[in-house]
PDB file of N, CA and C in Angstrom:
ATOM      1  N   MET A   1      16.699  25.437  14.947  1.00  0.00           N
ATOM      2  CA  MET A   1      15.688  26.192  14.244  1.00  0.00           C
ATOM      3  C   MET A   1      15.018  25.270  13.239  1.00  0.00           C
ATOM      4  N   SER A   2      13.703  25.384  13.091  1.00  0.00           N
ATOM      5  CA  SER A   2      12.954  24.564  12.159  1.00  0.00           C
ATOM      6  C   SER A   2      13.225  24.998  10.731  1.00  0.00           C
ATOM      7  N   GLU A   3      13.165  24.028   9.820  1.00  0.00           N
ATOM      8  CA  GLU A   3      13.320  24.327   8.406  1.00  0.00           C
ATOM      9  C   GLU A   3      12.094  25.107   7.934  1.00  0.00           C
ATOM     10  N   VAL A   4      12.294  26.061   7.050  1.00  0.00           N
ATOM     11  CA  VAL A   4      11.200  26.889   6.543  1.00  0.00           C
ATOM     12  C   VAL A   4      10.677  26.260   5.256  1.00  0.00           C
ATOM     13  N   SER A   5       9.446  25.761   5.303  1.00  0.00           N
ATOM     14  CA  SER A   5       8.820  25.127   4.141  1.00  0.00           C
ATOM     15  C   SER A   5       8.284  26.188   3.192  1.00  0.00           C
ATOM     16  N   ALA A   6       7.831  25.759   2.032  1.00  0.00           N
ATOM     17  CA  ALA A   6       7.225  26.680   1.070  1.00  0.00           C
ATOM     18  C   ALA A   6       5.988  27.338   1.662  1.00  0.00           C
ATOM     19  N   GLU A   7       5.201  26.591   2.421  1.00  0.00           N
ATOM     20  CA  GLU A   7       4.006  27.151   3.057  1.00  0.00           C
ATOM     21  C   GLU A   7       4.376  28.183   4.121  1.00  0.00           C
ATOM     22  N   ASP A   8       5.475  27.950   4.831  1.00  0.00           N
ATOM     23  CA  ASP A   8       5.929  28.920   5.829  1.00  0.00           C
ATOM     24  C   ASP A   8       6.481  30.176   5.163  1.00  0.00           C
ATOM     25  N   HIS A   9       7.145  30.011   4.014  1.00  0.00           N
ATOM     26  CA  HIS A   9       7.614  31.187   3.255  1.00  0.00           C
ATOM     27  C   HIS A   9       6.426  32.035   2.818  1.00  0.00           C
ATOM     28  N   LYS A  10       5.323  31.386   2.460  1.00  0.00           N
ATOM     29  CA  LYS A  10       4.116  32.121   2.087  1.00  0.00           C
ATOM     30  C   LYS A  10       3.644  32.985   3.257  1.00  0.00           C
ATOM     31  N   LEU A  11       3.669  32.436   4.463  1.00  0.00           N
ATOM     32  CA  LEU A  11       3.274  33.219   5.641  1.00  0.00           C
ATOM     33  C   LEU A  11       4.192  34.407   5.849  1.00  0.00           C
ATOM     34  N   ILE A  12       5.485  34.201   5.651  1.00  0.00           N
ATOM     35  CA  ILE A  12       6.448  35.301   5.796  1.00  0.00           C
ATOM     36  C   ILE A  12       6.132  36.412   4.798  1.00  0.00           C
ATOM     37  N   THR A  13       5.852  36.033   3.560  1.00  0.00           N
ATOM     38  CA  THR A  13       5.511  37.009   2.524  1.00  0.00           C
ATOM     39  C   THR A  13       4.235  37.769   2.880  1.00  0.00           C
ATOM     40  N   LEU A  14       3.219  37.052   3.356  1.00  0.00           N
ATOM     41  CA  LEU A  14       1.967  37.694   3.752  1.00  0.00           C
ATOM     42  C   LEU A  14       2.174  38.659   4.926  1.00  0.00           C
ATOM     43  N   ALA A  15       2.957  38.256   5.901  1.00  0.00           N
ATOM     44  CA  ALA A  15       3.215  39.108   7.066  1.00  0.00           C
ATOM     45  C   ALA A  15       3.994  40.362   6.662  1.00  0.00           C
ATOM     46  N   ARG A  16       4.983  40.188   5.792  1.00  0.00           N
ATOM     47  CA  ARG A  16       5.747  41.349   5.325  1.00  0.00           C
ATOM     48  C   ARG A  16       4.848  42.322   4.570  1.00  0.00           C
ATOM     49  N   GLY A  17       3.950  41.782   3.745  1.00  0.00           N
ATOM     50  CA  GLY A  17       3.029  42.624   2.990  1.00  0.00           C
ATOM     51  C   GLY A  17       2.079  43.388   3.889  1.00  0.00           C
ATOM     52  N   ALA A  18       1.536  42.709   4.900  1.00  0.00           N
ATOM     53  CA  ALA A  18       0.610  43.352   5.829  1.00  0.00           C
ATOM     54  C   ALA A  18       1.308  44.492   6.569  1.00  0.00           C
ATOM     55  N   ARG A  19       2.528  44.243   6.992  1.00  0.00           N
ATOM     56  CA  ARG A  19       3.310  45.264   7.705  1.00  0.00           C
ATOM     57  C   ARG A  19       3.613  46.445   6.794  1.00  0.00           C
ATOM     58  N   GLY A  20       4.063  46.151   5.587  1.00  0.00           N
ATOM     59  CA  GLY A  20       4.480  47.191   4.661  1.00  0.00           C
ATOM     60  C   GLY A  20       3.359  48.079   4.158  1.00  0.00           C
ATOM     61  N   ARG A  21       2.154  47.511   3.996  1.00  0.00           N
ATOM     62  CA  ARG A  21       1.030  48.294   3.476  1.00  0.00           C
ATOM     63  C   ARG A  21       0.746  49.535   4.304  1.00  0.00           C
ATOM     64  N   ILE A  22       0.891  49.426   5.628  1.00  0.00           N
ATOM     65  CA  ILE A  22       0.573  50.585   6.470  1.00  0.00           C
ATOM     66  C   ILE A  22       1.777  51.090   7.261  1.00  0.00           C
ATOM     67  N   GLY A  23       2.939  50.503   7.025  1.00  0.00           N
ATOM     68  CA  GLY A  23       4.131  50.939   7.737  1.00  0.00           C
ATOM     69  C   GLY A  23       4.091  50.625   9.215  1.00  0.00           C
ATOM     70  N   ALA A  24       3.457  49.518   9.558  1.00  0.00           N
ATOM     71  CA  ALA A  24       3.318  49.123  10.966  1.00  0.00           C
ATOM     72  C   ALA A  24       4.637  48.582  11.513  1.00  0.00           C
ATOM     73  N   PRO A  25       4.791  48.605  12.828  1.00  0.00           N
ATOM     74  CA  PRO A  25       6.000  48.045  13.438  1.00  0.00           C
ATOM     75  C   PRO A  25       6.127  46.540  13.222  1.00  0.00           C
ATOM     76  N   ALA A  26       4.974  45.852  13.104  1.00  0.00           N
ATOM     77  CA  ALA A  26       5.010  44.394  12.939  1.00  0.00           C
ATOM     78  C   ALA A  26       3.867  43.938  12.052  1.00  0.00           C
ATOM     79  N   GLY A  27       4.119  42.848  11.366  1.00  0.00           N
ATOM     80  CA  GLY A  27       3.091  42.158  10.590  1.00  0.00           C
ATOM     81  C   GLY A  27       3.100  40.706  11.011  1.00  0.00           C
ATOM     82  N   ALA A  28       1.971  40.045  10.873  1.00  0.00           N
ATOM     83  CA  ALA A  28       1.896  38.639  11.238  1.00  0.00           C
ATOM     84  C   ALA A  28       0.983  37.912  10.271  1.00  0.00           C
ATOM     85  N   ALA A  29       1.198  36.621  10.177  1.00  0.00           N
ATOM     86  CA  ALA A  29       0.325  35.759   9.389  1.00  0.00           C
ATOM     87  C   ALA A  29       0.216  34.431  10.114  1.00  0.00           C
ATOM     88  N   VAL A  30      -0.956  33.823   9.996  1.00  0.00           N
ATOM     89  CA  VAL A  30      -1.195  32.522  10.610  1.00  0.00           C
ATOM     90  C   VAL A  30      -1.785  31.580   9.570  1.00  0.00           C
ATOM     91  N   ARG A  31      -1.556  30.288   9.780  1.00  0.00           N
ATOM     92  CA  ARG A  31      -2.159  29.254   8.936  1.00  0.00           C
ATOM     93  C   ARG A  31      -3.019  28.383   9.838  1.00  0.00           C
ATOM     94  N   ASP A  32      -4.285  28.208   9.469  1.00  0.00           N
ATOM     95  CA  ASP A  32      -5.172  27.422  10.316  1.00  0.00           C
ATOM     96  C   ASP A  32      -5.059  25.926  10.004  1.00  0.00           C
ATOM     97  N   GLU A  33      -5.864  25.144  10.693  1.00  0.00           N
ATOM     98  CA  GLU A  33      -5.786  23.693  10.599  1.00  0.00           C
ATOM     99  C   GLU A  33      -6.189  23.156   9.230  1.00  0.00           C
ATOM    100  N   THR A  34      -6.828  23.975   8.398  1.00  0.00           N
ATOM    101  CA  THR A  34      -7.210  23.540   7.057  1.00  0.00           C
ATOM    102  C   THR A  34      -6.299  24.114   5.978  1.00  0.00           C
ATOM    103  N   GLY A  35      -5.301  24.912   6.384  1.00  0.00           N
ATOM    104  CA  GLY A  35      -4.363  25.502   5.431  1.00  0.00           C
ATOM    105  C   GLY A  35      -4.718  26.910   4.993  1.00  0.00           C
ATOM    106  N   ARG A  36      -5.833  27.442   5.469  1.00  0.00           N
ATOM    107  CA  ARG A  36      -6.187  28.828   5.131  1.00  0.00           C
ATOM    108  C   ARG A  36      -5.250  29.778   5.866  1.00  0.00           C
ATOM    109  N   THR A  37      -4.968  30.919   5.232  1.00  0.00           N
ATOM    110  CA  THR A  37      -4.040  31.878   5.820  1.00  0.00           C
ATOM    111  C   THR A  37      -4.725  33.214   6.086  1.00  0.00           C
ATOM    112  N   TYR A  38      -4.223  33.894   7.104  1.00  0.00           N
ATOM    113  CA  TYR A  38      -4.746  35.192   7.519  1.00  0.00           C
ATOM    114  C   TYR A  38      -3.553  36.056   7.886  1.00  0.00           C
ATOM    115  N   ALA A  39      -3.583  37.317   7.463  1.00  0.00           N
ATOM    116  CA  ALA A  39      -2.463  38.217   7.747  1.00  0.00           C
ATOM    117  C   ALA A  39      -2.983  39.556   8.233  1.00  0.00           C
ATOM    118  N   SER A  40      -2.201  40.195   9.081  1.00  0.00           N
ATOM    119  CA  SER A  40      -2.562  41.511   9.588  1.00  0.00           C
ATOM    120  C   SER A  40      -1.308  42.214  10.088  1.00  0.00           C
ATOM    121  N   ALA A  41      -1.475  43.493  10.354  1.00  0.00           N
ATOM    122  CA  ALA A  41      -0.416  44.297  10.959  1.00  0.00           C
ATOM    123  C   ALA A  41      -0.871  44.702  12.353  1.00  0.00           C
ATOM    124  N   SER A  42       0.051  45.199  13.141  1.00  0.00           N
ATOM    125  CA  SER A  42      -0.322  45.707  14.462  1.00  0.00           C
ATOM    126  C   SER A  42      -1.259  46.901  14.283  1.00  0.00           C
ATOM    127  N   VAL A  43      -2.193  47.035  15.218  1.00  0.00           N
ATOM    128  CA  VAL A  43      -3.219  48.071  15.149  1.00  0.00           C
ATOM    129  C   VAL A  43      -3.119  48.929  16.410  1.00  0.00           C
ATOM    130  N   HIS A  44      -2.973  50.224  16.207  1.00  0.00           N
ATOM    131  CA  HIS A  44      -2.897  51.150  17.342  1.00  0.00           C
ATOM    132  C   HIS A  44      -3.845  52.312  17.083  1.00  0.00           C
ATOM    133  N   LEU A  45      -5.058  52.149  17.581  1.00  0.00           N
ATOM    134  CA  LEU A  45      -6.044  53.217  17.545  1.00  0.00           C
ATOM    135  C   LEU A  45      -6.205  53.760  18.955  1.00  0.00           C
ATOM    136  N   GLU A  46      -6.897  54.855  19.082  1.00  0.00           N
ATOM    137  CA  GLU A  46      -7.083  55.426  20.410  1.00  0.00           C
ATOM    138  C   GLU A  46      -7.758  54.438  21.359  1.00  0.00           C
ATOM    139  N   SER A  47      -8.737  53.693  20.854  1.00  0.00           N
ATOM    140  CA  SER A  47      -9.496  52.800  21.728  1.00  0.00           C
ATOM    141  C   SER A  47      -9.118  51.327  21.601  1.00  0.00           C
ATOM    142  N   VAL A  48      -8.288  50.976  20.626  1.00  0.00           N
ATOM    143  CA  VAL A  48      -7.942  49.567  20.395  1.00  0.00           C
ATOM    144  C   VAL A  48      -6.458  49.427  20.107  1.00  0.00           C
ATOM    145  N   HIS A  49      -5.821  48.519  20.807  1.00  0.00           N
ATOM    146  CA  HIS A  49      -4.427  48.185  20.555  1.00  0.00           C
ATOM    147  C   HIS A  49      -4.335  46.670  20.394  1.00  0.00           C
ATOM    148  N   LEU A  50      -3.939  46.212  19.213  1.00  0.00           N
ATOM    149  CA  LEU A  50      -3.767  44.789  18.947  1.00  0.00           C
ATOM    150  C   LEU A  50      -2.376  44.560  18.384  1.00  0.00           C
ATOM    151  N   THR A  51      -1.742  43.498  18.847  1.00  0.00           N
ATOM    152  CA  THR A  51      -0.491  43.110  18.208  1.00  0.00           C
ATOM    153  C   THR A  51      -0.837  42.506  16.854  1.00  0.00           C
ATOM    154  N   ALA A  52       0.142  42.392  15.994  1.00  0.00           N
ATOM    155  CA  ALA A  52      -0.082  41.801  14.679  1.00  0.00           C
ATOM    156  C   ALA A  52      -0.576  40.362  14.812  1.00  0.00           C
ATOM    157  N   ILE A  53      -0.004  39.620  15.755  1.00  0.00           N
ATOM    158  CA  ILE A  53      -0.433  38.235  15.958  1.00  0.00           C
ATOM    159  C   ILE A  53      -1.881  38.188  16.421  1.00  0.00           C
ATOM    160  N   GLN A  54      -2.248  39.027  17.379  1.00  0.00           N
ATOM    161  CA  GLN A  54      -3.633  39.046  17.849  1.00  0.00           C
ATOM    162  C   GLN A  54      -4.595  39.353  16.705  1.00  0.00           C
ATOM    163  N   ALA A  55      -4.261  40.328  15.875  1.00  0.00           N
ATOM    164  CA  ALA A  55      -5.141  40.710  14.773  1.00  0.00           C
ATOM    165  C   ALA A  55      -5.288  39.570  13.762  1.00  0.00           C
ATOM    166  N   ALA A  56      -4.205  38.874  13.449  1.00  0.00           N
ATOM    167  CA  ALA A  56      -4.285  37.749  12.510  1.00  0.00           C
ATOM    168  C   ALA A  56      -5.090  36.596  13.102  1.00  0.00           C
ATOM    169  N   VAL A  57      -4.894  36.319  14.387  1.00  0.00           N
ATOM    170  CA  VAL A  57      -5.651  35.246  15.046  1.00  0.00           C
ATOM    171  C   VAL A  57      -7.131  35.591  15.082  1.00  0.00           C
ATOM    172  N   ILE A  58      -7.464  36.839  15.360  1.00  0.00           N
ATOM    173  CA  ILE A  58      -8.866  37.254  15.385  1.00  0.00           C
ATOM    174  C   ILE A  58      -9.508  37.036  14.014  1.00  0.00           C
ATOM    175  N   GLN A  59      -8.790  37.338  12.951  1.00  0.00           N
ATOM    176  CA  GLN A  59      -9.320  37.090  11.610  1.00  0.00           C
ATOM    177  C   GLN A  59      -9.590  35.600  11.405  1.00  0.00           C
ATOM    178  N   ALA A  60      -8.669  34.767  11.856  1.00  0.00           N
ATOM    179  CA  ALA A  60      -8.837  33.324  11.713  1.00  0.00           C
ATOM    180  C   ALA A  60     -10.068  32.841  12.476  1.00  0.00           C
ATOM    181  N   VAL A  61     -10.216  33.294  13.712  1.00  0.00           N
ATOM    182  CA  VAL A  61     -11.366  32.894  14.534  1.00  0.00           C
ATOM    183  C   VAL A  61     -12.662  33.363  13.879  1.00  0.00           C
ATOM    184  N   ALA A  62     -12.682  34.592  13.387  1.00  0.00           N
ATOM    185  CA  ALA A  62     -13.885  35.132  12.763  1.00  0.00           C
ATOM    186  C   ALA A  62     -14.265  34.361  11.499  1.00  0.00           C
ATOM    187  N   ALA A  63     -13.295  33.717  10.869  1.00  0.00           N
ATOM    188  CA  ALA A  63     -13.551  32.920   9.669  1.00  0.00           C
ATOM    189  C   ALA A  63     -13.889  31.463   9.997  1.00  0.00           C
ATOM    190  N   GLY A  64     -13.863  31.114  11.303  1.00  0.00           N
ATOM    191  CA  GLY A  64     -14.248  29.772  11.704  1.00  0.00           C
ATOM    192  C   GLY A  64     -13.118  28.804  11.965  1.00  0.00           C
ATOM    193  N   ALA A  65     -11.893  29.292  12.028  1.00  0.00           N
ATOM    194  CA  ALA A  65     -10.754  28.401  12.305  1.00  0.00           C
ATOM    195  C   ALA A  65     -10.910  27.764  13.678  1.00  0.00           C
ATOM    196  N   LEU A  66     -10.531  26.504  13.757  1.00  0.00           N
ATOM    197  CA  LEU A  66     -10.604  25.771  15.019  1.00  0.00           C
ATOM    198  C   LEU A  66      -9.229  25.483  15.606  1.00  0.00           C
ATOM    199  N   GLY A  67      -8.184  25.778  14.859  1.00  0.00           N
ATOM    200  CA  GLY A  67      -6.827  25.539  15.324  1.00  0.00           C
ATOM    201  C   GLY A  67      -5.832  26.235  14.421  1.00  0.00           C
ATOM    202  N   LEU A  68      -4.573  26.232  14.822  1.00  0.00           N
ATOM    203  CA  LEU A  68      -3.498  26.833  14.033  1.00  0.00           C
ATOM    204  C   LEU A  68      -2.371  25.844  13.842  1.00  0.00           C
ATOM    205  N   GLU A  69      -1.740  25.925  12.686  1.00  0.00           N
ATOM    206  CA  GLU A  69      -0.539  25.134  12.410  1.00  0.00           C
ATOM    207  C   GLU A  69       0.722  25.955  12.581  1.00  0.00           C
ATOM    208  N   ALA A  70       0.668  27.221  12.133  1.00  0.00           N
ATOM    209  CA  ALA A  70       1.882  28.041  12.140  1.00  0.00           C
ATOM    210  C   ALA A  70       1.552  29.516  12.300  1.00  0.00           C
ATOM    211  N   VAL A  71       2.510  30.241  12.870  1.00  0.00           N
ATOM    212  CA  VAL A  71       2.413  31.682  13.101  1.00  0.00           C
ATOM    213  C   VAL A  71       3.741  32.310  12.696  1.00  0.00           C
ATOM    214  N   VAL A  72       3.666  33.436  12.006  1.00  0.00           N
ATOM    215  CA  VAL A  72       4.867  34.194  11.640  1.00  0.00           C
ATOM    216  C   VAL A  72       4.674  35.629  12.089  1.00  0.00           C
ATOM    217  N   GLN A  73       5.703  36.201  12.686  1.00  0.00           N
ATOM    218  CA  GLN A  73       5.715  37.641  12.951  1.00  0.00           C
ATOM    219  C   GLN A  73       6.947  38.226  12.285  1.00  0.00           C
ATOM    220  N   VAL A  74       6.741  39.317  11.567  1.00  0.00           N
ATOM    221  CA  VAL A  74       7.821  40.025  10.887  1.00  0.00           C
ATOM    222  C   VAL A  74       7.916  41.420  11.471  1.00  0.00           C
ATOM    223  N   GLY A  75       9.119  41.834  11.823  1.00  0.00           N
ATOM    224  CA  GLY A  75       9.342  43.172  12.366  1.00  0.00           C
ATOM    225  C   GLY A  75      10.653  43.205  13.103  1.00  0.00           C
ATOM    226  N   ASP A  76      10.889  44.299  13.773  1.00  0.00           N
ATOM    227  CA  ASP A  76      12.159  44.475  14.477  1.00  0.00           C
ATOM    228  C   ASP A  76      12.075  44.141  15.957  1.00  0.00           C
ATOM    229  N   GLU A  77      10.916  43.694  16.405  1.00  0.00           N
ATOM    230  CA  GLU A  77      10.748  43.359  17.814  1.00  0.00           C
ATOM    231  C   GLU A  77      11.483  42.066  18.148  1.00  0.00           C
ATOM    232  N   ASP A  78      12.006  41.998  19.357  1.00  0.00           N
ATOM    233  CA  ASP A  78      12.705  40.799  19.800  1.00  0.00           C
ATOM    234  C   ASP A  78      11.788  39.842  20.547  1.00  0.00           C
ATOM    235  N   GLU A  79      10.542  40.218  20.683  1.00  0.00           N
ATOM    236  CA  GLU A  79       9.584  39.398  21.413  1.00  0.00           C
ATOM    237  C   GLU A  79       8.400  39.088  20.516  1.00  0.00           C
ATOM    238  N   LEU A  80       7.530  38.237  20.997  1.00  0.00           N
ATOM    239  CA  LEU A  80       6.317  37.881  20.280  1.00  0.00           C
ATOM    240  C   LEU A  80       5.088  38.322  21.077  1.00  0.00           C
ATOM    241  N   PRO A  81       4.843  39.629  21.141  1.00  0.00           N
ATOM    242  CA  PRO A  81       3.673  40.069  21.878  1.00  0.00           C
ATOM    243  C   PRO A  81       2.414  39.529  21.206  1.00  0.00           C
ATOM    244  N   GLY A  82       1.500  39.056  22.007  1.00  0.00           N
ATOM    245  CA  GLY A  82       0.258  38.524  21.463  1.00  0.00           C
ATOM    246  C   GLY A  82       0.288  37.044  21.171  1.00  0.00           C
ATOM    247  N   ILE A  83       1.408  36.377  21.448  1.00  0.00           N
ATOM    248  CA  ILE A  83       1.503  34.951  21.138  1.00  0.00           C
ATOM    249  C   ILE A  83       0.488  34.135  21.930  1.00  0.00           C
ATOM    250  N   ALA A  84       0.038  34.648  23.064  1.00  0.00           N
ATOM    251  CA  ALA A  84      -0.970  33.930  23.856  1.00  0.00           C
ATOM    252  C   ALA A  84      -2.241  33.711  23.043  1.00  0.00           C
ATOM    253  N   ALA A  85      -2.597  34.638  22.169  1.00  0.00           N
ATOM    254  CA  ALA A  85      -3.791  34.467  21.332  1.00  0.00           C
ATOM    255  C   ALA A  85      -3.624  33.277  20.402  1.00  0.00           C
ATOM    256  N   ALA A  86      -2.432  33.112  19.855  1.00  0.00           N
ATOM    257  CA  ALA A  86      -2.162  31.965  18.975  1.00  0.00           C
ATOM    258  C   ALA A  86      -2.203  30.670  19.759  1.00  0.00           C
ATOM    259  N   THR A  87      -1.680  30.691  20.972  1.00  0.00           N
ATOM    260  CA  THR A  87      -1.695  29.504  21.818  1.00  0.00           C
ATOM    261  C   THR A  87      -3.125  29.165  22.237  1.00  0.00           C
ATOM    262  N   ASP A  88      -3.937  30.190  22.511  1.00  0.00           N
ATOM    263  CA  ASP A  88      -5.344  29.962  22.860  1.00  0.00           C
ATOM    264  C   ASP A  88      -6.058  29.193  21.763  1.00  0.00           C
ATOM    265  N   LEU A  89      -5.816  29.551  20.515  1.00  0.00           N
ATOM    266  CA  LEU A  89      -6.485  28.896  19.393  1.00  0.00           C
ATOM    267  C   LEU A  89      -5.772  27.630  18.966  1.00  0.00           C
ATOM    268  N   GLY A  90      -4.455  27.663  18.942  1.00  0.00           N
ATOM    269  CA  GLY A  90      -3.697  26.548  18.388  1.00  0.00           C
ATOM    270  C   GLY A  90      -3.283  25.488  19.380  1.00  0.00           C
ATOM    271  N   GLY A  91      -3.205  25.858  20.657  1.00  0.00           N
ATOM    272  CA  GLY A  91      -2.746  24.898  21.649  1.00  0.00           C
ATOM    273  C   GLY A  91      -1.277  24.566  21.454  1.00  0.00           C
ATOM    274  N   PRO A  92      -0.835  23.445  22.016  1.00  0.00           N
ATOM    275  CA  PRO A  92       0.566  23.050  21.842  1.00  0.00           C
ATOM    276  C   PRO A  92       0.815  22.544  20.422  1.00  0.00           C
ATOM    277  N   GLY A  93       2.039  22.691  19.976  1.00  0.00           N
ATOM    278  CA  GLY A  93       2.423  22.167  18.673  1.00  0.00           C
ATOM    279  C   GLY A  93       2.346  23.145  17.524  1.00  0.00           C
ATOM    280  N   VAL A  94       2.116  24.433  17.810  1.00  0.00           N
ATOM    281  CA  VAL A  94       2.075  25.447  16.757  1.00  0.00           C
ATOM    282  C   VAL A  94       3.508  25.893  16.462  1.00  0.00           C
ATOM    283  N   LEU A  95       3.877  25.880  15.193  1.00  0.00           N
ATOM    284  CA  LEU A  95       5.199  26.333  14.765  1.00  0.00           C
ATOM    285  C   LEU A  95       5.175  27.853  14.693  1.00  0.00           C
ATOM    286  N   VAL A  96       6.129  28.513  15.354  1.00  0.00           N
ATOM    287  CA  VAL A  96       6.171  29.972  15.426  1.00  0.00           C
ATOM    288  C   VAL A  96       7.514  30.459  14.902  1.00  0.00           C
ATOM    289  N   PHE A  97       7.454  31.407  13.966  1.00  0.00           N
ATOM    290  CA  PHE A  97       8.665  32.022  13.414  1.00  0.00           C
ATOM    291  C   PHE A  97       8.683  33.500  13.767  1.00  0.00           C
ATOM    292  N   LEU A  98       9.802  33.967  14.279  1.00  0.00           N
ATOM    293  CA  LEU A  98      10.044  35.387  14.493  1.00  0.00           C
ATOM    294  C   LEU A  98      11.043  35.808  13.428  1.00  0.00           C
ATOM    295  N   CYS A  99      10.635  36.752  12.580  1.00  0.00           N
ATOM    296  CA  CYS A  99      11.462  37.130  11.428  1.00  0.00           C
ATOM    297  C   CYS A  99      11.861  38.597  11.485  1.00  0.00           C
ATOM    298  N   ASN A 100      12.989  38.890  10.894  1.00  0.00           N
ATOM    299  CA  ASN A 100      13.438  40.263  10.723  1.00  0.00           C
ATOM    300  C   ASN A 100      12.569  40.946   9.671  1.00  0.00           C
ATOM    301  N   SER A 101      12.704  42.243   9.542  1.00  0.00           N
ATOM    302  CA  SER A 101      11.918  43.008   8.578  1.00  0.00           C
ATOM    303  C   SER A 101      12.115  42.544   7.144  1.00  0.00           C
ATOM    304  N   ASP A 102      13.290  42.020   6.845  1.00  0.00           N
ATOM    305  CA  ASP A 102      13.549  41.553   5.473  1.00  0.00           C
ATOM    306  C   ASP A 102      13.020  40.138   5.231  1.00  0.00           C
ATOM    307  N   GLY A 103      12.408  39.537   6.246  1.00  0.00           N
ATOM    308  CA  GLY A 103      11.840  38.211   6.095  1.00  0.00           C
ATOM    309  C   GLY A 103      12.760  37.081   6.514  1.00  0.00           C
ATOM    310  N   SER A 104      13.993  37.392   6.852  1.00  0.00           N
ATOM    311  CA  SER A 104      14.896  36.338   7.299  1.00  0.00           C
ATOM    312  C   SER A 104      14.465  35.863   8.683  1.00  0.00           C
ATOM    313  N   VAL A 105      14.534  34.565   8.886  1.00  0.00           N
ATOM    314  CA  VAL A 105      14.077  33.981  10.157  1.00  0.00           C
ATOM    315  C   VAL A 105      15.130  34.215  11.228  1.00  0.00           C
ATOM    316  N   ARG A 106      14.693  34.854  12.303  1.00  0.00           N
ATOM    317  CA  ARG A 106      15.570  35.096  13.445  1.00  0.00           C
ATOM    318  C   ARG A 106      15.559  33.896  14.380  1.00  0.00           C
ATOM    319  N   THR A 107      14.361  33.375  14.626  1.00  0.00           N
ATOM    320  CA  THR A 107      14.224  32.222  15.507  1.00  0.00           C
ATOM    321  C   THR A 107      12.920  31.508  15.208  1.00  0.00           C
ATOM    322  N   SER A 108      12.863  30.242  15.576  1.00  0.00           N
ATOM    323  CA  SER A 108      11.614  29.504  15.463  1.00  0.00           C
ATOM    324  C   SER A 108      11.485  28.580  16.665  1.00  0.00           C
ATOM    325  N   VAL A 109      10.256  28.405  17.092  1.00  0.00           N
ATOM    326  CA  VAL A 109       9.960  27.530  18.230  1.00  0.00           C
ATOM    327  C   VAL A 109       8.641  26.824  17.931  1.00  0.00           C
ATOM    328  N   THR A 110       8.402  25.769  18.669  1.00  0.00           N
ATOM    329  CA  THR A 110       7.111  25.102  18.638  1.00  0.00           C
ATOM    330  C   THR A 110       6.494  25.238  20.016  1.00  0.00           C
ATOM    331  N   THR A 111       5.230  25.704  20.045  1.00  0.00           N
ATOM    332  CA  THR A 111       4.571  25.908  21.343  1.00  0.00           C
ATOM    333  C   THR A 111       4.226  24.594  21.991  1.00  0.00           C
TER     334      THR A 111
END
């Protein structure tokens, strides 16, 4: 498992906050190639369903991000739904953390 840096802890905090604000099943945060961060929760509307990762990546793209350094998902899910969106933007070499609801890191991988 990768060591969690101060910048990665910031992503965990942002993802937990995004999840907690609306009581969503998952929250996610991403850091782009310039160090800017974006956070979101999963979205389930009648006409739109986005995973937390997809929603955070969409925010990054809309702000002009050209790549990603790291992705965090916080929640009770054992999978990373929507990780393809992060890979689409970040390509190989993106650090990904899957965290429990309390923010503890369950696993980490590099794409």
